[in-house]
Amino acid sequence: MTSTSTIEILPRAQSALANSPIYELRDLQVEHRAGSLLISGAVSSFYHKQLAQEVVRSVCQGIDVVNAIDVA
């Protein structure tokens, strides 16, 4: 995928988290970084960290997803 494609998909990834039924995922950020998507922010469990990654990955097939979420 080109970086343009990643930029075009970024709003879908942000929307998927913002509309999640899991409240903690709604405050996470997604950024475009060198042809991949970077998820950042903080959640209370490793389960929510993994869940956020899978939510983003489900709308961004074929694009690398970097999970930089902190577990507090």
PDB file of N, CA and C in Angstrom:
ATOM      1  N   MET A   1       0.838  -1.181   0.000  1.00  0.00           N
ATOM      2  CA  MET A   1       0.000   0.000   0.000  1.00  0.00           C
ATOM      3  C   MET A   1       0.878   1.236   0.000  1.00  0.00           C
ATOM      4  N   THR A   2       0.409   2.254  -0.651  1.00  0.00           N
ATOM      5  CA  THR A   2       1.135   3.510  -0.647  1.00  0.00           C
ATOM      6  C   THR A   2       0.721   4.322   0.565  1.00  0.00           C
ATOM      7  N   SER A   3       1.521   5.355   0.872  1.00  0.00           N
ATOM      8  CA  SER A   3       1.173   6.183   2.011  1.00  0.00           C
ATOM      9  C   SER A   3      -0.130   6.933   1.772  1.00  0.00           C
ATOM     10  N   THR A   4      -0.457   7.226   0.504  1.00  0.00           N
ATOM     11  CA  THR A   4      -1.731   7.867   0.201  1.00  0.00           C
ATOM     12  C   THR A   4      -2.879   6.967   0.631  1.00  0.00           C
ATOM     13  N   SER A   5      -2.784   5.690   0.349  1.00  0.00           N
ATOM     14  CA  SER A   5      -3.830   4.753   0.762  1.00  0.00           C
ATOM     15  C   SER A   5      -3.962   4.721   2.277  1.00  0.00           C
ATOM     16  N   THR A   6      -2.841   4.763   2.974  1.00  0.00           N
ATOM     17  CA  THR A   6      -2.865   4.769   4.428  1.00  0.00           C
ATOM     18  C   THR A   6      -3.561   6.020   4.941  1.00  0.00           C
ATOM     19  N   ILE A   7      -3.273   7.160   4.329  1.00  0.00           N
ATOM     20  CA  ILE A   7      -3.910   8.422   4.720  1.00  0.00           C
ATOM     21  C   ILE A   7      -5.408   8.357   4.470  1.00  0.00           C
ATOM     22  N   GLU A   8      -5.806   7.735   3.387  1.00  0.00           N
ATOM     23  CA  GLU A   8      -7.232   7.618   3.071  1.00  0.00           C
ATOM     24  C   GLU A   8      -7.961   6.697   4.049  1.00  0.00           C
ATOM     25  N   ILE A   9      -7.261   5.697   4.574  1.00  0.00           N
ATOM     26  CA  ILE A   9      -7.877   4.735   5.485  1.00  0.00           C
ATOM     27  C   ILE A   9      -7.881   5.242   6.929  1.00  0.00           C
ATOM     28  N   LEU A  10      -7.027   6.192   7.240  1.00  0.00           N
ATOM     29  CA  LEU A  10      -6.919   6.723   8.598  1.00  0.00           C
ATOM     30  C   LEU A  10      -8.267   7.119   9.205  1.00  0.00           C
ATOM     31  N   PRO A  11      -9.138   7.856   8.494  1.00  0.00           N
ATOM     32  CA  PRO A  11     -10.439   8.201   9.099  1.00  0.00           C
ATOM     33  C   PRO A  11     -11.292   6.983   9.458  1.00  0.00           C
ATOM     34  N   ARG A  12     -11.195   5.922   8.673  1.00  0.00           N
ATOM     35  CA  ARG A  12     -11.954   4.697   8.993  1.00  0.00           C
ATOM     36  C   ARG A  12     -11.467   4.073  10.294  1.00  0.00           C
ATOM     37  N   ALA A  13     -10.143   4.077  10.479  1.00  0.00           N
ATOM     38  CA  ALA A  13      -9.565   3.515  11.701  1.00  0.00           C
ATOM     39  C   ALA A  13      -9.966   4.350  12.910  1.00  0.00           C
ATOM     40  N   GLN A  14      -9.902   5.665  12.778  1.00  0.00           N
ATOM     41  CA  GLN A  14     -10.294   6.553  13.879  1.00  0.00           C
ATOM     42  C   GLN A  14     -11.767   6.369  14.212  1.00  0.00           C
ATOM     43  N   SER A  15     -12.592   6.257  13.196  1.00  0.00           N
ATOM     44  CA  SER A  15     -14.028   6.087  13.394  1.00  0.00           C
ATOM     45  C   SER A  15     -14.344   4.750  14.062  1.00  0.00           C
ATOM     46  N   ALA A  16     -13.638   3.703  13.674  1.00  0.00           N
ATOM     47  CA  ALA A  16     -13.876   2.377  14.266  1.00  0.00           C
ATOM     48  C   ALA A  16     -13.629   2.403  15.770  1.00  0.00           C
ATOM     49  N   LEU A  17     -12.578   3.099  16.200  1.00  0.00           N
ATOM     50  CA  LEU A  17     -12.312   3.205  17.634  1.00  0.00           C
ATOM     51  C   LEU A  17     -13.312   4.143  18.315  1.00  0.00           C
ATOM     52  N   ALA A  18     -13.609   5.260  17.674  1.00  0.00           N
ATOM     53  CA  ALA A  18     -14.522   6.252  18.260  1.00  0.00           C
ATOM     54  C   ALA A  18     -15.927   5.691  18.461  1.00  0.00           C
ATOM     55  N   ASN A  19     -16.316   4.735  17.630  1.00  0.00           N
ATOM     56  CA  ASN A  19     -17.652   4.155  17.716  1.00  0.00           C
ATOM     57  C   ASN A  19     -17.675   2.796  18.406  1.00  0.00           C
ATOM     58  N   SER A  20     -16.579   2.429  19.022  1.00  0.00           N
ATOM     59  CA  SER A  20     -16.495   1.139  19.712  1.00  0.00           C
ATOM     60  C   SER A  20     -17.448   1.092  20.906  1.00  0.00           C
ATOM     61  N   PRO A  21     -18.066  -0.061  21.148  1.00  0.00           N
ATOM     62  CA  PRO A  21     -18.891  -0.201  22.346  1.00  0.00           C
ATOM     63  C   PRO A  21     -18.042  -0.239  23.630  1.00  0.00           C
ATOM     64  N   ILE A  22     -16.734  -0.419  23.481  1.00  0.00           N
ATOM     65  CA  ILE A  22     -15.815  -0.406  24.627  1.00  0.00           C
ATOM     66  C   ILE A  22     -15.365   1.034  24.834  1.00  0.00           C
ATOM     67  N   TYR A  23     -15.851   1.652  25.892  1.00  0.00           N
ATOM     68  CA  TYR A  23     -15.618   3.079  26.121  1.00  0.00           C
ATOM     69  C   TYR A  23     -14.132   3.453  26.110  1.00  0.00           C
ATOM     70  N   GLU A  24     -13.283   2.627  26.711  1.00  0.00           N
ATOM     71  CA  GLU A  24     -11.847   2.928  26.785  1.00  0.00           C
ATOM     72  C   GLU A  24     -11.197   3.109  25.419  1.00  0.00           C
ATOM     73  N   LEU A  25     -11.698   2.430  24.420  1.00  0.00           N
ATOM     74  CA  LEU A  25     -11.093   2.509  23.086  1.00  0.00           C
ATOM     75  C   LEU A  25     -11.404   3.825  22.387  1.00  0.00           C
ATOM     76  N   ARG A  26     -12.425   4.506  22.829  1.00  0.00           N
ATOM     77  CA  ARG A  26     -12.863   5.738  22.160  1.00  0.00           C
ATOM     78  C   ARG A  26     -11.880   6.891  22.296  1.00  0.00           C
ATOM     79  N   ASP A  27     -11.022   6.863  23.321  1.00  0.00           N
ATOM     80  CA  ASP A  27     -10.064   7.947  23.539  1.00  0.00           C
ATOM     81  C   ASP A  27      -8.695   7.689  22.918  1.00  0.00           C
ATOM     82  N   LEU A  28      -8.529   6.579  22.233  1.00  0.00           N
ATOM     83  CA  LEU A  28      -7.242   6.275  21.607  1.00  0.00           C
ATOM     84  C   LEU A  28      -7.062   7.093  20.331  1.00  0.00           C
ATOM     85  N   GLN A  29      -5.815   7.324  19.972  1.00  0.00           N
ATOM     86  CA  GLN A  29      -5.492   8.081  18.763  1.00  0.00           C
ATOM     87  C   GLN A  29      -4.866   7.165  17.719  1.00  0.00           C
ATOM     88  N   VAL A  30      -5.127   7.495  16.462  1.00  0.00           N
ATOM     89  CA  VAL A  30      -4.526   6.776  15.338  1.00  0.00           C
ATOM     90  C   VAL A  30      -3.844   7.814  14.464  1.00  0.00           C
ATOM     91  N   GLU A  31      -2.589   7.555  14.116  1.00  0.00           N
ATOM     92  CA  GLU A  31      -1.815   8.469  13.279  1.00  0.00           C
ATOM     93  C   GLU A  31      -1.196   7.713  12.116  1.00  0.00           C
ATOM     94  N   HIS A  32      -0.945   8.444  11.051  1.00  0.00           N
ATOM     95  CA  HIS A  32      -0.231   7.896   9.896  1.00  0.00           C
ATOM     96  C   HIS A  32       1.262   8.078  10.148  1.00  0.00           C
ATOM     97  N   ARG A  33       2.023   6.995  10.066  1.00  0.00           N
ATOM     98  CA  ARG A  33       3.468   7.050  10.267  1.00  0.00           C
ATOM     99  C   ARG A  33       4.168   6.171   9.241  1.00  0.00           C
ATOM    100  N   ALA A  34       4.821   6.786   8.293  1.00  0.00           N
ATOM    101  CA  ALA A  34       5.677   6.078   7.328  1.00  0.00           C
ATOM    102  C   ALA A  34       4.997   4.856   6.706  1.00  0.00           C
ATOM    103  N   GLY A  35       3.796   5.035   6.187  1.00  0.00           N
ATOM    104  CA  GLY A  35       3.103   3.955   5.502  1.00  0.00           C
ATOM    105  C   GLY A  35       2.378   2.982   6.413  1.00  0.00           C
ATOM    106  N   SER A  36       2.356   3.257   7.702  1.00  0.00           N
ATOM    107  CA  SER A  36       1.624   2.391   8.633  1.00  0.00           C
ATOM    108  C   SER A  36       0.740   3.260   9.516  1.00  0.00           C
ATOM    109  N   LEU A  37      -0.078   2.608  10.324  1.00  0.00           N
ATOM    110  CA  LEU A  37      -0.924   3.312  11.271  1.00  0.00           C
ATOM    111  C   LEU A  37      -0.416   3.037  12.682  1.00  0.00           C
ATOM    112  N   LEU A  38      -0.283   4.097  13.461  1.00  0.00           N
ATOM    113  CA  LEU A  38       0.192   4.003  14.836  1.00  0.00           C
ATOM    114  C   LEU A  38      -0.971   4.287  15.772  1.00  0.00           C
ATOM    115  N   ILE A  39      -1.268   3.341  16.664  1.00  0.00           N
ATOM    116  CA  ILE A  39      -2.321   3.530  17.670  1.00  0.00           C
ATOM    117  C   ILE A  39      -1.627   3.905  18.971  1.00  0.00           C
ATOM    118  N   SER A  40      -2.092   4.989  19.606  1.00  0.00           N
ATOM    119  CA  SER A  40      -1.497   5.407  20.870  1.00  0.00           C
ATOM    120  C   SER A  40      -2.586   5.820  21.854  1.00  0.00           C
ATOM    121  N   GLY A  41      -2.180   5.949  23.104  1.00  0.00           N
ATOM    122  CA  GLY A  41      -3.096   6.283  24.181  1.00  0.00           C
ATOM    123  C   GLY A  41      -2.875   5.314  25.324  1.00  0.00           C
ATOM    124  N   ALA A  42      -3.857   5.217  26.209  1.00  0.00           N
ATOM    125  CA  ALA A  42      -3.729   4.329  27.365  1.00  0.00           C
ATOM    126  C   ALA A  42      -5.046   3.612  27.637  1.00  0.00           C
ATOM    127  N   VAL A  43      -4.930   2.365  28.044  1.00  0.00           N
ATOM    128  CA  VAL A  43      -6.075   1.541  28.440  1.00  0.00           C
ATOM    129  C   VAL A  43      -5.716   0.831  29.748  1.00  0.00           C
ATOM    130  N   SER A  44      -6.706   0.202  30.375  1.00  0.00           N
ATOM    131  CA  SER A  44      -6.480  -0.398  31.689  1.00  0.00           C
ATOM    132  C   SER A  44      -6.075  -1.870  31.650  1.00  0.00           C
ATOM    133  N   SER A  45      -6.102  -2.501  30.467  1.00  0.00           N
ATOM    134  CA  SER A  45      -5.743  -3.921  30.418  1.00  0.00           C
ATOM    135  C   SER A  45      -5.113  -4.285  29.077  1.00  0.00           C
ATOM    136  N   PHE A  46      -4.343  -5.380  29.099  1.00  0.00           N
ATOM    137  CA  PHE A  46      -3.750  -5.873  27.863  1.00  0.00           C
ATOM    138  C   PHE A  46      -4.834  -6.366  26.904  1.00  0.00           C
ATOM    139  N   TYR A  47      -5.945  -6.831  27.456  1.00  0.00           N
ATOM    140  CA  TYR A  47      -7.068  -7.253  26.616  1.00  0.00           C
ATOM    141  C   TYR A  47      -7.575  -6.075  25.777  1.00  0.00           C
ATOM    142  N   HIS A  48      -7.755  -4.913  26.392  1.00  0.00           N
ATOM    143  CA  HIS A  48      -8.226  -3.739  25.655  1.00  0.00           C
ATOM    144  C   HIS A  48      -7.188  -3.267  24.648  1.00  0.00           C
ATOM    145  N   LYS A  49      -5.912  -3.409  24.980  1.00  0.00           N
ATOM    146  CA  LYS A  49      -4.839  -3.053  24.040  1.00  0.00           C
ATOM    147  C   LYS A  49      -4.948  -3.916  22.784  1.00  0.00           C
ATOM    148  N   GLN A  50      -5.091  -5.214  22.978  1.00  0.00           N
ATOM    149  CA  GLN A  50      -5.215  -6.141  21.852  1.00  0.00           C
ATOM    150  C   GLN A  50      -6.512  -5.908  21.083  1.00  0.00           C
ATOM    151  N   LEU A  51      -7.587  -5.658  21.795  1.00  0.00           N
ATOM    152  CA  LEU A  51      -8.874  -5.400  21.160  1.00  0.00           C
ATOM    153  C   LEU A  51      -8.803  -4.167  20.268  1.00  0.00           C
ATOM    154  N   ALA A  52      -8.173  -3.107  20.736  1.00  0.00           N
ATOM    155  CA  ALA A  52      -8.022  -1.888  19.930  1.00  0.00           C
ATOM    156  C   ALA A  52      -7.254  -2.181  18.646  1.00  0.00           C
ATOM    157  N   GLN A  53      -6.203  -2.957  18.758  1.00  0.00           N
ATOM    158  CA  GLN A  53      -5.413  -3.318  17.583  1.00  0.00           C
ATOM    159  C   GLN A  53      -6.255  -4.080  16.574  1.00  0.00           C
ATOM    160  N   GLU A  54      -7.046  -5.012  17.046  1.00  0.00           N
ATOM    161  CA  GLU A  54      -7.873  -5.805  16.141  1.00  0.00           C
ATOM    162  C   GLU A  54      -8.996  -4.978  15.516  1.00  0.00           C
ATOM    163  N   VAL A  55      -9.538  -4.022  16.252  1.00  0.00           N
ATOM    164  CA  VAL A  55     -10.560  -3.131  15.695  1.00  0.00           C
ATOM    165  C   VAL A  55      -9.971  -2.340  14.527  1.00  0.00           C
ATOM    166  N   VAL A  56      -8.789  -1.786  14.722  1.00  0.00           N
ATOM    167  CA  VAL A  56      -8.139  -1.011  13.655  1.00  0.00           C
ATOM    168  C   VAL A  56      -7.757  -1.928  12.497  1.00  0.00           C
ATOM    169  N   ARG A  57      -7.191  -3.066  12.813  1.00  0.00           N
ATOM    170  CA  ARG A  57      -6.769  -4.001  11.771  1.00  0.00           C
ATOM    171  C   ARG A  57      -7.946  -4.456  10.905  1.00  0.00           C
ATOM    172  N   SER A  58      -9.132  -4.562  11.490  1.00  0.00           N
ATOM    173  CA  SER A  58     -10.299  -5.038  10.737  1.00  0.00           C
ATOM    174  C   SER A  58     -10.722  -4.074   9.635  1.00  0.00           C
ATOM    175  N   VAL A  59     -10.416  -2.796   9.772  1.00  0.00           N
ATOM    176  CA  VAL A  59     -10.783  -1.820   8.733  1.00  0.00           C
ATOM    177  C   VAL A  59      -9.592  -1.411   7.874  1.00  0.00           C
ATOM    178  N   CYS A  60      -8.412  -1.953   8.175  1.00  0.00           N
ATOM    179  CA  CYS A  60      -7.183  -1.543   7.484  1.00  0.00           C
ATOM    180  C   CYS A  60      -6.411  -2.735   6.941  1.00  0.00           C
ATOM    181  N   GLN A  61      -7.091  -3.669   6.354  1.00  0.00           N
ATOM    182  CA  GLN A  61      -6.413  -4.865   5.867  1.00  0.00           C
ATOM    183  C   GLN A  61      -5.324  -4.504   4.864  1.00  0.00           C
ATOM    184  N   GLY A  62      -4.169  -5.115   5.039  1.00  0.00           N
ATOM    185  CA  GLY A  62      -3.051  -4.881   4.137  1.00  0.00           C
ATOM    186  C   GLY A  62      -2.148  -3.734   4.561  1.00  0.00           C
ATOM    187  N   ILE A  63      -2.462  -3.079   5.674  1.00  0.00           N
ATOM    188  CA  ILE A  63      -1.640  -1.978   6.172  1.00  0.00           C
ATOM    189  C   ILE A  63      -1.072  -2.390   7.523  1.00  0.00           C
ATOM    190  N   ASP A  64       0.210  -2.085   7.731  1.00  0.00           N
ATOM    191  CA  ASP A  64       0.831  -2.397   9.013  1.00  0.00           C
ATOM    192  C   ASP A  64       0.232  -1.529  10.116  1.00  0.00           C
ATOM    193  N   VAL A  65      -0.037  -2.139  11.249  1.00  0.00           N
ATOM    194  CA  VAL A  65      -0.572  -1.443  12.407  1.00  0.00           C
ATOM    195  C   VAL A  65       0.451  -1.566  13.534  1.00  0.00           C
ATOM    196  N   VAL A  66       0.880  -0.414  14.070  1.00  0.00           N
ATOM    197  CA  VAL A  66       1.825  -0.377  15.177  1.00  0.00           C
ATOM    198  C   VAL A  66       1.039  -0.038  16.438  1.00  0.00           C
ATOM    199  N   ASN A  67       1.109  -0.922  17.416  1.00  0.00           N
ATOM    200  CA  ASN A  67       0.353  -0.749  18.655  1.00  0.00           C
ATOM    201  C   ASN A  67       1.275  -0.180  19.732  1.00  0.00           C
ATOM    202  N   ALA A  68       1.157   1.135  19.970  1.00  0.00           N
ATOM    203  CA  ALA A  68       1.966   1.816  20.983  1.00  0.00           C
ATOM    204  C   ALA A  68       1.111   2.222  22.179  1.00  0.00           C
ATOM    205  N   ILE A  69       0.046   1.482  22.430  1.00  0.00           N
ATOM    206  CA  ILE A  69      -0.878   1.788  23.522  1.00  0.00           C
ATOM    207  C   ILE A  69      -0.226   1.390  24.846  1.00  0.00           C
ATOM    208  N   ASP A  70      -0.321   2.285  25.835  1.00  0.00           N
ATOM    209  CA  ASP A  70       0.179   1.995  27.185  1.00  0.00           C
ATOM    210  C   ASP A  70      -0.920   1.321  27.990  1.00  0.00           C
ATOM    211  N   VAL A  71      -0.525   0.375  28.831  1.00  0.00           N
ATOM    212  CA  VAL A  71      -1.459  -0.268  29.751  1.00  0.00           C
ATOM    213  C   VAL A  71      -1.186   0.309  31.125  1.00  0.00           C
ATOM    214  N   ALA A  72      -2.183   1.003  31.668  1.00  0.00           N
ATOM    215  CA  ALA A  72      -2.025   1.661  32.973  1.00  0.00           C
ATOM    216  C   ALA A  72      -2.516   0.779  34.095  1.00  0.00           C
TER     217      ALA A  72
END
